[in-house]
């Protein structure tokens, strides 16, 4: 099985990759199209030049790898994909052979978390509209990060059942520190998850946003709500 896990940034996506990557039967791949996205768009991200040098920046080559054999002889492959990385014209046919899963998080939480790492995010930076479009093309189970944090065992068991996979308790705990499958960008973005040994507890109230961030949240909400209506529930 190849899982294409689609999300935006700051969506619990790295913790989910660690959960699946902690299973003995899974290989994991961290944001395969990040370097091609940076190369194609010219956008200024933290560690941009290092990422392009360290990772394959050719979208066609990366897509061919997505269609290729699972690494290390594993039966399953978890691919962590950012919806915003799929620039128009990038190959997407490879996803037709994947189990497509969609991970969501309320825009207020994403905006607050993203802005702490990279100032003044735009709607394109947080990926909600791109994600909704990808869901239309590649529908699949939708899972909310808030529900995972509220009850990880229950929600991951439900997700595994949805995609025909046996739940493994190894998904709930992992050793602290980086992983061999982390992208080079981990040292900028993954500080909190590197200190973790499992999913954090339930989230509190939505964070306060400033005026510009509130406007961004309003712009993102329609796409988020379209995805939220499809989510796996307790």
C-alpha atoms as a PDB file:
ATOM      1  CA  UNK A   1       0.000   0.000   0.000  1.00  0.00           C
ATOM      2  CA  UNK A   2       1.152   3.527  -0.815  1.00  0.00           C
ATOM      3  CA  UNK A   3      -0.463   6.260   1.257  1.00  0.00           C
ATOM      4  CA  UNK A   4      -0.447   9.808  -0.084  1.00  0.00           C
ATOM      5  CA  UNK A   5      -1.218  11.894   2.995  1.00  0.00           C
ATOM      6  CA  UNK A   6      -2.267  15.354   1.853  1.00  0.00           C
ATOM      7  CA  UNK A   7      -2.281  18.345   4.187  1.00  0.00           C
ATOM      8  CA  UNK A   8      -1.133  21.899   4.584  1.00  0.00           C
ATOM      9  CA  UNK A   9       1.738  23.053   6.813  1.00  0.00           C
ATOM     10  CA  UNK A  10       1.494  22.961  10.630  1.00  0.00           C
ATOM     11  CA  UNK A  11      -1.268  20.325  10.436  1.00  0.00           C
ATOM     12  CA  UNK A  12       0.180  17.607  12.709  1.00  0.00           C
ATOM     13  CA  UNK A  13       1.626  16.224   9.498  1.00  0.00           C
ATOM     14  CA  UNK A  14       5.094  15.449  10.874  1.00  0.00           C
ATOM     15  CA  UNK A  15       3.719  13.667  13.938  1.00  0.00           C
ATOM     16  CA  UNK A  16       1.526  11.581  11.628  1.00  0.00           C
ATOM     17  CA  UNK A  17       4.556  10.720   9.509  1.00  0.00           C
ATOM     18  CA  UNK A  18       6.405   9.657  12.667  1.00  0.00           C
ATOM     19  CA  UNK A  19       3.430   7.541  13.730  1.00  0.00           C
ATOM     20  CA  UNK A  20       3.348   5.604  10.463  1.00  0.00           C
ATOM     21  CA  UNK A  21       7.136   5.615  10.156  1.00  0.00           C
ATOM     22  CA  UNK A  22       7.366   3.929  13.562  1.00  0.00           C
ATOM     23  CA  UNK A  23       5.613   0.862  12.175  1.00  0.00           C
ATOM     24  CA  UNK A  24       7.953  -1.927  11.111  1.00  0.00           C
ATOM     25  CA  UNK A  25       5.949  -2.438   7.912  1.00  0.00           C
ATOM     26  CA  UNK A  26       6.203   1.151   6.607  1.00  0.00           C
ATOM     27  CA  UNK A  27       8.758   3.251   4.789  1.00  0.00           C
ATOM     28  CA  UNK A  28       8.213   7.018   4.996  1.00  0.00           C
ATOM     29  CA  UNK A  29       9.010   9.961   2.711  1.00  0.00           C
ATOM     30  CA  UNK A  30       8.987  13.566   3.872  1.00  0.00           C
ATOM     31  CA  UNK A  31       7.470  16.132   1.446  1.00  0.00           C
ATOM     32  CA  UNK A  32       8.838  14.747  -1.840  1.00  0.00           C
ATOM     33  CA  UNK A  33       7.823  17.801  -3.878  1.00  0.00           C
ATOM     34  CA  UNK A  34       9.223  20.490  -1.555  1.00  0.00           C
ATOM     35  CA  UNK A  35      12.428  21.026  -3.553  1.00  0.00           C
ATOM     36  CA  UNK A  36      10.603  21.048  -6.925  1.00  0.00           C
ATOM     37  CA  UNK A  37       8.101  23.555  -5.491  1.00  0.00           C
ATOM     38  CA  UNK A  38      10.903  25.880  -4.378  1.00  0.00           C
ATOM     39  CA  UNK A  39      12.760  25.487  -7.661  1.00  0.00           C
ATOM     40  CA  UNK A  40       9.697  26.138  -9.801  1.00  0.00           C
ATOM     41  CA  UNK A  41       8.172  29.025  -7.868  1.00  0.00           C
ATOM     42  CA  UNK A  42      11.299  30.841  -6.724  1.00  0.00           C
ATOM     43  CA  UNK A  43       9.565  31.454  -3.422  1.00  0.00           C
ATOM     44  CA  UNK A  44      11.747  32.433  -0.482  1.00  0.00           C
ATOM     45  CA  UNK A  45      11.479  29.824   2.283  1.00  0.00           C
ATOM     46  CA  UNK A  46      13.834  29.140   5.185  1.00  0.00           C
ATOM     47  CA  UNK A  47      16.782  27.020   3.957  1.00  0.00           C
ATOM     48  CA  UNK A  48      15.611  27.311   0.342  1.00  0.00           C
ATOM     49  CA  UNK A  49      19.024  26.832  -1.320  1.00  0.00           C
ATOM     50  CA  UNK A  50      20.018  23.990   1.001  1.00  0.00           C
ATOM     51  CA  UNK A  51      16.762  22.160   0.291  1.00  0.00           C
ATOM     52  CA  UNK A  52      17.201  22.401  -3.481  1.00  0.00           C
ATOM     53  CA  UNK A  53      20.772  21.087  -3.224  1.00  0.00           C
ATOM     54  CA  UNK A  54      19.975  18.251  -0.797  1.00  0.00           C
ATOM     55  CA  UNK A  55      16.759  16.987  -2.410  1.00  0.00           C
ATOM     56  CA  UNK A  56      15.711  16.205  -5.980  1.00  0.00           C
ATOM     57  CA  UNK A  57      14.268  19.456  -7.428  1.00  0.00           C
ATOM     58  CA  UNK A  58      12.853  17.876 -10.593  1.00  0.00           C
ATOM     59  CA  UNK A  59       9.104  17.226 -10.305  1.00  0.00           C
ATOM     60  CA  UNK A  60       9.034  14.614 -13.085  1.00  0.00           C
ATOM     61  CA  UNK A  61      11.837  12.661 -11.439  1.00  0.00           C
ATOM     62  CA  UNK A  62      10.131  12.827  -8.035  1.00  0.00           C
ATOM     63  CA  UNK A  63       6.830  11.690  -9.543  1.00  0.00           C
ATOM     64  CA  UNK A  64       8.585   8.700 -11.127  1.00  0.00           C
ATOM     65  CA  UNK A  65       9.926   7.737  -7.690  1.00  0.00           C
ATOM     66  CA  UNK A  66       6.419   8.009  -6.241  1.00  0.00           C
ATOM     67  CA  UNK A  67       5.321   5.482  -8.856  1.00  0.00           C
ATOM     68  CA  UNK A  68       8.284   3.213  -8.200  1.00  0.00           C
ATOM     69  CA  UNK A  69       8.917   0.425  -5.709  1.00  0.00           C
ATOM     70  CA  UNK A  70       8.523   0.922  -1.978  1.00  0.00           C
ATOM     71  CA  UNK A  71      11.946   1.533  -0.378  1.00  0.00           C
ATOM     72  CA  UNK A  72      13.785  -0.958   1.803  1.00  0.00           C
ATOM     73  CA  UNK A  73      11.570  -3.854   0.752  1.00  0.00           C
ATOM     74  CA  UNK A  74       8.740  -2.670   3.013  1.00  0.00           C
ATOM     75  CA  UNK A  75       5.160  -3.644   2.173  1.00  0.00           C
ATOM     76  CA  UNK A  76       3.820  -0.103   2.706  1.00  0.00           C
ATOM     77  CA  UNK A  77       4.917   3.465   2.017  1.00  0.00           C
ATOM     78  CA  UNK A  78       3.745   6.642   3.767  1.00  0.00           C
ATOM     79  CA  UNK A  79       4.281   9.796   1.719  1.00  0.00           C
ATOM     80  CA  UNK A  80       3.773  13.124   3.498  1.00  0.00           C
ATOM     81  CA  UNK A  81       2.633  15.619   0.855  1.00  0.00           C
ATOM     82  CA  UNK A  82       1.894  19.325   1.134  1.00  0.00           C
ATOM     83  CA  UNK A  83      -1.010  20.270  -1.139  1.00  0.00           C
ATOM     84  CA  UNK A  84       0.564  23.663  -1.828  1.00  0.00           C
ATOM     85  CA  UNK A  85       3.657  21.980  -3.295  1.00  0.00           C
ATOM     86  CA  UNK A  86       1.714  20.654  -6.284  1.00  0.00           C
ATOM     87  CA  UNK A  87       2.367  23.507  -8.686  1.00  0.00           C
ATOM     88  CA  UNK A  88       0.159  23.469 -11.828  1.00  0.00           C
ATOM     89  CA  UNK A  89       1.856  21.259 -14.390  1.00  0.00           C
ATOM     90  CA  UNK A  90       3.531  18.952 -11.878  1.00  0.00           C
ATOM     91  CA  UNK A  91       2.730  15.278 -12.614  1.00  0.00           C
ATOM     92  CA  UNK A  92      -0.100  13.873 -10.502  1.00  0.00           C
ATOM     93  CA  UNK A  93      -0.976  10.599 -12.236  1.00  0.00           C
ATOM     94  CA  UNK A  94       1.129   8.705  -9.684  1.00  0.00           C
ATOM     95  CA  UNK A  95      -1.460   9.536  -6.982  1.00  0.00           C
ATOM     96  CA  UNK A  96      -4.070   7.449  -8.785  1.00  0.00           C
ATOM     97  CA  UNK A  97      -2.247   4.357  -7.515  1.00  0.00           C
ATOM     98  CA  UNK A  98      -2.157   5.587  -3.911  1.00  0.00           C
ATOM     99  CA  UNK A  99      -4.576   5.508  -1.023  1.00  0.00           C
ATOM    100  CA  UNK A 100      -5.223   9.238  -0.732  1.00  0.00           C
ATOM    101  CA  UNK A 101      -5.870  10.515   2.799  1.00  0.00           C
ATOM    102  CA  UNK A 102      -6.531  14.128   3.784  1.00  0.00           C
ATOM    103  CA  UNK A 103      -5.330  15.639   7.063  1.00  0.00           C
ATOM    104  CA  UNK A 104      -6.914  18.935   8.130  1.00  0.00           C
ATOM    105  CA  UNK A 105      -6.572  21.509  10.893  1.00  0.00           C
ATOM    106  CA  UNK A 106      -8.557  24.645  11.690  1.00  0.00           C
ATOM    107  CA  UNK A 107      -7.066  27.657   9.853  1.00  0.00           C
ATOM    108  CA  UNK A 108      -6.717  29.731  13.030  1.00  0.00           C
ATOM    109  CA  UNK A 109      -4.342  27.157  14.509  1.00  0.00           C
ATOM    110  CA  UNK A 110      -2.401  26.753  11.271  1.00  0.00           C
ATOM    111  CA  UNK A 111      -1.985  30.506  10.793  1.00  0.00           C
ATOM    112  CA  UNK A 112      -0.795  31.091  14.354  1.00  0.00           C
ATOM    113  CA  UNK A 113       1.675  28.195  14.185  1.00  0.00           C
ATOM    114  CA  UNK A 114       2.957  29.050  10.701  1.00  0.00           C
ATOM    115  CA  UNK A 115       3.446  32.737  11.509  1.00  0.00           C
ATOM    116  CA  UNK A 116       5.695  31.781  14.425  1.00  0.00           C
ATOM    117  CA  UNK A 117       8.108  30.165  11.948  1.00  0.00           C
ATOM    118  CA  UNK A 118       7.639  32.361   8.832  1.00  0.00           C
ATOM    119  CA  UNK A 119       6.061  35.787   9.025  1.00  0.00           C
ATOM    120  CA  UNK A 120       3.048  37.055   7.105  1.00  0.00           C
ATOM    121  CA  UNK A 121       1.712  33.862   5.504  1.00  0.00           C
ATOM    122  CA  UNK A 122      -0.579  34.164   2.491  1.00  0.00           C
ATOM    123  CA  UNK A 123      -3.534  32.008   1.473  1.00  0.00           C
ATOM    124  CA  UNK A 124      -1.285  30.190  -0.991  1.00  0.00           C
ATOM    125  CA  UNK A 125       1.253  29.488   1.779  1.00  0.00           C
ATOM    126  CA  UNK A 126      -1.234  27.575   3.945  1.00  0.00           C
ATOM    127  CA  UNK A 127      -2.662  25.525   1.097  1.00  0.00           C
ATOM    128  CA  UNK A 128      -6.396  25.235   1.831  1.00  0.00           C
ATOM    129  CA  UNK A 129      -7.622  25.990  -1.681  1.00  0.00           C
ATOM    130  CA  UNK A 130      -5.019  23.699  -3.229  1.00  0.00           C
ATOM    131  CA  UNK A 131      -6.015  20.968  -0.777  1.00  0.00           C
ATOM    132  CA  UNK A 132      -9.726  21.244  -1.586  1.00  0.00           C
ATOM    133  CA  UNK A 133      -8.913  20.940  -5.296  1.00  0.00           C
ATOM    134  CA  UNK A 134      -6.779  17.857  -4.676  1.00  0.00           C
ATOM    135  CA  UNK A 135      -9.584  16.297  -2.631  1.00  0.00           C
ATOM    136  CA  UNK A 136     -11.938  16.759  -5.581  1.00  0.00           C
ATOM    137  CA  UNK A 137      -9.514  14.875  -7.824  1.00  0.00           C
ATOM    138  CA  UNK A 138      -8.340  12.291  -5.282  1.00  0.00           C
ATOM    139  CA  UNK A 139     -11.109  11.805  -2.703  1.00  0.00           C
ATOM    140  CA  UNK A 140     -10.379   9.720   0.350  1.00  0.00           C
ATOM    141  CA  UNK A 141     -10.729   9.666   4.122  1.00  0.00           C
ATOM    142  CA  UNK A 142     -10.470  13.047   5.847  1.00  0.00           C
ATOM    143  CA  UNK A 143      -9.100  13.150   9.382  1.00  0.00           C
ATOM    144  CA  UNK A 144      -8.954  16.190  11.665  1.00  0.00           C
ATOM    145  CA  UNK A 145      -5.787  16.796  13.662  1.00  0.00           C
ATOM    146  CA  UNK A 146      -7.887  17.992  16.612  1.00  0.00           C
ATOM    147  CA  UNK A 147      -9.638  14.616  16.759  1.00  0.00           C
ATOM    148  CA  UNK A 148      -6.327  12.777  16.593  1.00  0.00           C
ATOM    149  CA  UNK A 149      -4.934  14.787  19.485  1.00  0.00           C
ATOM    150  CA  UNK A 150      -8.134  14.246  21.482  1.00  0.00           C
ATOM    151  CA  UNK A 151      -7.985  10.438  21.146  1.00  0.00           C
ATOM    152  CA  UNK A 152      -5.029   9.187  19.065  1.00  0.00           C
ATOM    153  CA  UNK A 153      -5.670   5.465  19.483  1.00  0.00           C
ATOM    154  CA  UNK A 154      -9.323   5.689  18.519  1.00  0.00           C
ATOM    155  CA  UNK A 155      -8.849   7.964  15.530  1.00  0.00           C
ATOM    156  CA  UNK A 156      -5.845   6.120  14.114  1.00  0.00           C
ATOM    157  CA  UNK A 157      -7.700   2.838  14.528  1.00  0.00           C
ATOM    158  CA  UNK A 158     -10.622   4.348  12.602  1.00  0.00           C
ATOM    159  CA  UNK A 159      -8.325   5.635   9.872  1.00  0.00           C
ATOM    160  CA  UNK A 160      -6.593   2.281   9.517  1.00  0.00           C
ATOM    161  CA  UNK A 161      -9.969   0.550   9.231  1.00  0.00           C
ATOM    162  CA  UNK A 162     -11.043   3.025   6.542  1.00  0.00           C
ATOM    163  CA  UNK A 163      -8.042   2.198   4.361  1.00  0.00           C
ATOM    164  CA  UNK A 164      -7.885  -1.551   5.006  1.00  0.00           C
ATOM    165  CA  UNK A 165      -4.866  -1.521   7.291  1.00  0.00           C
ATOM    166  CA  UNK A 166      -4.459  -3.199  10.665  1.00  0.00           C
ATOM    167  CA  UNK A 167      -3.882  -0.704  13.472  1.00  0.00           C
ATOM    168  CA  UNK A 168      -0.477  -1.003  15.139  1.00  0.00           C
ATOM    169  CA  UNK A 169       0.008   0.406  18.683  1.00  0.00           C
ATOM    170  CA  UNK A 170       3.536   1.398  17.616  1.00  0.00           C
ATOM    171  CA  UNK A 171       1.851   4.373  15.928  1.00  0.00           C
ATOM    172  CA  UNK A 172       1.159   5.962  19.310  1.00  0.00           C
ATOM    173  CA  UNK A 173       4.716   6.257  20.702  1.00  0.00           C
ATOM    174  CA  UNK A 174       8.094   6.958  19.140  1.00  0.00           C
ATOM    175  CA  UNK A 175      11.566   7.794  20.455  1.00  0.00           C
ATOM    176  CA  UNK A 176      12.532  11.481  20.649  1.00  0.00           C
ATOM    177  CA  UNK A 177      14.836  13.054  18.105  1.00  0.00           C
ATOM    178  CA  UNK A 178      15.079  13.270  14.320  1.00  0.00           C
ATOM    179  CA  UNK A 179      14.356  10.474  11.860  1.00  0.00           C
ATOM    180  CA  UNK A 180      16.375   9.171   8.937  1.00  0.00           C
ATOM    181  CA  UNK A 181      13.505  10.106   6.615  1.00  0.00           C
ATOM    182  CA  UNK A 182      13.284  13.750   7.766  1.00  0.00           C
ATOM    183  CA  UNK A 183      13.863  16.365   5.103  1.00  0.00           C
ATOM    184  CA  UNK A 184      16.843  18.657   5.612  1.00  0.00           C
ATOM    185  CA  UNK A 185      14.332  21.381   6.608  1.00  0.00           C
ATOM    186  CA  UNK A 186      13.595  19.492   9.845  1.00  0.00           C
ATOM    187  CA  UNK A 187      16.028  21.575  11.841  1.00  0.00           C
ATOM    188  CA  UNK A 188      13.975  24.711  11.131  1.00  0.00           C
ATOM    189  CA  UNK A 189      10.437  23.308  11.357  1.00  0.00           C
ATOM    190  CA  UNK A 190      10.484  20.156  13.524  1.00  0.00           C
ATOM    191  CA  UNK A 191      11.834  21.320  16.872  1.00  0.00           C
ATOM    192  CA  UNK A 192       8.699  20.475  18.841  1.00  0.00           C
ATOM    193  CA  UNK A 193       8.099  17.088  17.261  1.00  0.00           C
ATOM    194  CA  UNK A 194      11.750  16.124  17.810  1.00  0.00           C
ATOM    195  CA  UNK A 195      11.139  16.603  21.517  1.00  0.00           C
ATOM    196  CA  UNK A 196       7.958  14.538  21.436  1.00  0.00           C
ATOM    197  CA  UNK A 197       7.435  10.837  22.086  1.00  0.00           C
ATOM    198  CA  UNK A 198       3.818  10.742  20.932  1.00  0.00           C
ATOM    199  CA  UNK A 199       0.870  12.939  20.056  1.00  0.00           C
ATOM    200  CA  UNK A 200       0.313  16.007  22.214  1.00  0.00           C
ATOM    201  CA  UNK A 201      -2.911  16.222  24.194  1.00  0.00           C
ATOM    202  CA  UNK A 202      -6.157  17.875  23.185  1.00  0.00           C
ATOM    203  CA  UNK A 203      -5.902  21.471  22.011  1.00  0.00           C
ATOM    204  CA  UNK A 204      -7.422  24.377  23.899  1.00  0.00           C
ATOM    205  CA  UNK A 205      -9.443  27.307  22.529  1.00  0.00           C
ATOM    206  CA  UNK A 206      -8.597  28.741  19.129  1.00  0.00           C
ATOM    207  CA  UNK A 207      -5.702  31.222  19.275  1.00  0.00           C
ATOM    208  CA  UNK A 208      -6.181  34.963  19.038  1.00  0.00           C
ATOM    209  CA  UNK A 209      -5.232  36.392  15.646  1.00  0.00           C
ATOM    210  CA  UNK A 210      -4.362  39.918  14.595  1.00  0.00           C
ATOM    211  CA  UNK A 211      -6.360  41.774  11.950  1.00  0.00           C
ATOM    212  CA  UNK A 212      -4.415  40.479   8.940  1.00  0.00           C
ATOM    213  CA  UNK A 213      -4.407  36.930  10.262  1.00  0.00           C
ATOM    214  CA  UNK A 214      -8.160  37.110  10.881  1.00  0.00           C
ATOM    215  CA  UNK A 215      -8.704  38.144   7.259  1.00  0.00           C
ATOM    216  CA  UNK A 216      -6.557  35.209   6.146  1.00  0.00           C
ATOM    217  CA  UNK A 217      -8.594  32.856   8.312  1.00  0.00           C
ATOM    218  CA  UNK A 218     -11.830  34.087   6.694  1.00  0.00           C
ATOM    219  CA  UNK A 219     -10.357  33.450   3.259  1.00  0.00           C
ATOM    220  CA  UNK A 220      -9.293  29.908   4.196  1.00  0.00           C
ATOM    221  CA  UNK A 221     -12.481  28.828   5.982  1.00  0.00           C
ATOM    222  CA  UNK A 222     -14.643  27.937   2.924  1.00  0.00           C
ATOM    223  CA  UNK A 223     -12.112  25.377   1.657  1.00  0.00           C
ATOM    224  CA  UNK A 224     -11.513  24.065   5.174  1.00  0.00           C
ATOM    225  CA  UNK A 225     -15.242  23.628   5.781  1.00  0.00           C
ATOM    226  CA  UNK A 226     -15.655  21.691   2.534  1.00  0.00           C
ATOM    227  CA  UNK A 227     -13.042  19.214   3.758  1.00  0.00           C
ATOM    228  CA  UNK A 228     -14.301  19.218   7.354  1.00  0.00           C
ATOM    229  CA  UNK A 229     -17.771  18.070   6.265  1.00  0.00           C
ATOM    230  CA  UNK A 230     -16.188  14.848   4.965  1.00  0.00           C
ATOM    231  CA  UNK A 231     -14.132  13.978   8.018  1.00  0.00           C
ATOM    232  CA  UNK A 232     -14.085  10.728   9.988  1.00  0.00           C
ATOM    233  CA  UNK A 233     -15.979  11.285  13.237  1.00  0.00           C
ATOM    234  CA  UNK A 234     -15.868   9.714  16.689  1.00  0.00           C
END
